Amino acid sequence: MISNISIHPKTMFKNALNIQDFSFKSHTSTAIIGTNGAGKSTLINTILGIRSDYNFKAQNNNIPYHDNVITQAIGSCL
């Protein structure tokens, strides 16, 4: 389970997204919904490695992961 997600531009230390109570569970489908400008595309594009100008941090079972480690483990359907 991936949880405690934070994303920030590489040129800044302030988080663009900081999601503490969200998780992706293994072998399930997850929908991400929200208003315009909420960060849905930034979240997905950063996790998938499409937005290389952002850093991505998250945890998997309370073990910290950064950038491409999680990107390699996630599949997506856009």
C-alpha atoms as a PDB file:
ATOM      1  CA  MET A   1       0.000   0.000   0.000  1.00  0.00           C
ATOM      2  CA  ILE A   2       1.392   3.389  -1.012  1.00  0.00           C
ATOM      3  CA  SER A   3       0.582   6.257   1.363  1.00  0.00           C
ATOM      4  CA  ASN A   4       1.806   9.630   2.697  1.00  0.00           C
ATOM      5  CA  ILE A   5       2.411  11.123  -0.734  1.00  0.00           C
ATOM      6  CA  SER A   6       4.176  14.458  -1.258  1.00  0.00           C
ATOM      7  CA  ILE A   7       5.187  16.151  -4.501  1.00  0.00           C
ATOM      8  CA  HIS A   8       7.195  19.340  -4.971  1.00  0.00           C
ATOM      9  CA  PRO A   9       8.975  21.118  -7.834  1.00  0.00           C
ATOM     10  CA  LYS A  10      12.702  20.351  -7.886  1.00  0.00           C
ATOM     11  CA  THR A  11      13.424  24.093  -7.722  1.00  0.00           C
ATOM     12  CA  MET A  12      11.363  24.589  -4.527  1.00  0.00           C
ATOM     13  CA  PHE A  13      11.184  22.980  -1.102  1.00  0.00           C
ATOM     14  CA  LYS A  14       7.484  23.739  -0.576  1.00  0.00           C
ATOM     15  CA  ASN A  15       5.171  20.831  -1.453  1.00  0.00           C
ATOM     16  CA  ALA A  16       2.805  21.242  -4.377  1.00  0.00           C
ATOM     17  CA  LEU A  17       0.803  18.289  -3.045  1.00  0.00           C
ATOM     18  CA  ASN A  18       0.905  16.737   0.395  1.00  0.00           C
ATOM     19  CA  ILE A  19      -1.554  13.870   0.799  1.00  0.00           C
ATOM     20  CA  GLN A  20      -1.408  12.167   4.199  1.00  0.00           C
ATOM     21  CA  ASP A  21      -4.664  10.221   4.215  1.00  0.00           C
ATOM     22  CA  PHE A  22      -4.584   8.704   0.736  1.00  0.00           C
ATOM     23  CA  SER A  23      -3.370   5.298  -0.319  1.00  0.00           C
ATOM     24  CA  PHE A  24      -3.111   3.077  -3.370  1.00  0.00           C
ATOM     25  CA  LYS A  25      -3.766  -0.547  -2.458  1.00  0.00           C
ATOM     26  CA  SER A  26      -2.213  -3.455  -4.344  1.00  0.00           C
ATOM     27  CA  HIS A  27      -4.281  -5.260  -6.972  1.00  0.00           C
ATOM     28  CA  THR A  28      -7.096  -2.687  -6.971  1.00  0.00           C
ATOM     29  CA  SER A  29      -8.287   0.132  -9.210  1.00  0.00           C
ATOM     30  CA  THR A  30      -8.242   3.677  -7.861  1.00  0.00           C
ATOM     31  CA  ALA A  31     -10.015   6.730  -9.288  1.00  0.00           C
ATOM     32  CA  ILE A  32      -8.615  10.187  -8.612  1.00  0.00           C
ATOM     33  CA  ILE A  33     -11.262  12.903  -8.736  1.00  0.00           C
ATOM     34  CA  GLY A  34     -11.209  16.585  -7.870  1.00  0.00           C
ATOM     35  CA  THR A  35     -11.847  20.109  -9.064  1.00  0.00           C
ATOM     36  CA  ASN A  36      -9.885  21.868 -11.803  1.00  0.00           C
ATOM     37  CA  GLY A  37      -6.399  22.740 -10.585  1.00  0.00           C
ATOM     38  CA  ALA A  38      -6.502  20.349  -7.625  1.00  0.00           C
ATOM     39  CA  GLY A  39      -3.363  18.504  -8.786  1.00  0.00           C
ATOM     40  CA  LYS A  40      -4.788  15.282 -10.261  1.00  0.00           C
ATOM     41  CA  SER A  41      -2.676  15.432 -13.426  1.00  0.00           C
ATOM     42  CA  THR A  42       0.411  16.586 -11.523  1.00  0.00           C
ATOM     43  CA  LEU A  43       0.040  13.634  -9.144  1.00  0.00           C
ATOM     44  CA  ILE A  44      -0.300  11.016 -11.886  1.00  0.00           C
ATOM     45  CA  ASN A  45       2.293  12.544 -14.222  1.00  0.00           C
ATOM     46  CA  THR A  46       4.845  12.797 -11.407  1.00  0.00           C
ATOM     47  CA  ILE A  47       4.262   9.247 -10.152  1.00  0.00           C
ATOM     48  CA  LEU A  48       4.589   7.887 -13.702  1.00  0.00           C
ATOM     49  CA  GLY A  49       7.781   9.873 -14.307  1.00  0.00           C
ATOM     50  CA  ILE A  50       6.269  12.083 -17.007  1.00  0.00           C
ATOM     51  CA  ARG A  51       6.898  15.249 -14.938  1.00  0.00           C
ATOM     52  CA  SER A  52      10.628  15.039 -14.328  1.00  0.00           C
ATOM     53  CA  ASP A  53      10.659  18.588 -12.923  1.00  0.00           C
ATOM     54  CA  TYR A  54       8.922  17.379  -9.725  1.00  0.00           C
ATOM     55  CA  ASN A  55      10.181  15.206  -6.867  1.00  0.00           C
ATOM     56  CA  PHE A  56       7.940  12.481  -5.500  1.00  0.00           C
ATOM     57  CA  LYS A  57       8.048  10.903  -2.033  1.00  0.00           C
ATOM     58  CA  ALA A  58       5.770   8.266  -0.574  1.00  0.00           C
ATOM     59  CA  GLN A  59       5.726   5.302   1.782  1.00  0.00           C
ATOM     60  CA  ASN A  60       5.046   1.643   1.145  1.00  0.00           C
ATOM     61  CA  ASN A  61       4.107  -0.139   4.388  1.00  0.00           C
ATOM     62  CA  ASN A  62       5.835   2.680   6.332  1.00  0.00           C
ATOM     63  CA  ILE A  63       9.069   2.338   4.313  1.00  0.00           C
ATOM     64  CA  PRO A  64       9.996   5.605   2.528  1.00  0.00           C
ATOM     65  CA  TYR A  65      10.317   5.521  -1.248  1.00  0.00           C
ATOM     66  CA  HIS A  66      11.449   8.254  -3.602  1.00  0.00           C
ATOM     67  CA  ASP A  67      10.891   9.015  -7.295  1.00  0.00           C
ATOM     68  CA  ASN A  68      11.405   6.059  -9.651  1.00  0.00           C
ATOM     69  CA  VAL A  69      11.168   3.213  -7.128  1.00  0.00           C
ATOM     70  CA  ILE A  70       7.383   3.567  -6.940  1.00  0.00           C
ATOM     71  CA  THR A  71       7.057   4.623 -10.583  1.00  0.00           C
ATOM     72  CA  GLN A  72       8.360   1.208 -11.630  1.00  0.00           C
ATOM     73  CA  ALA A  73       5.807  -0.608  -9.446  1.00  0.00           C
ATOM     74  CA  ILE A  74       2.649   1.219 -10.602  1.00  0.00           C
ATOM     75  CA  GLY A  75       0.597   0.570 -13.712  1.00  0.00           C
ATOM     76  CA  SER A  76      -1.856   3.103 -15.064  1.00  0.00           C
ATOM     77  CA  CYS A  77      -4.747   3.443 -17.432  1.00  0.00           C
ATOM     78  CA  LEU A  78      -5.327   7.043 -18.491  1.00  0.00           C
END
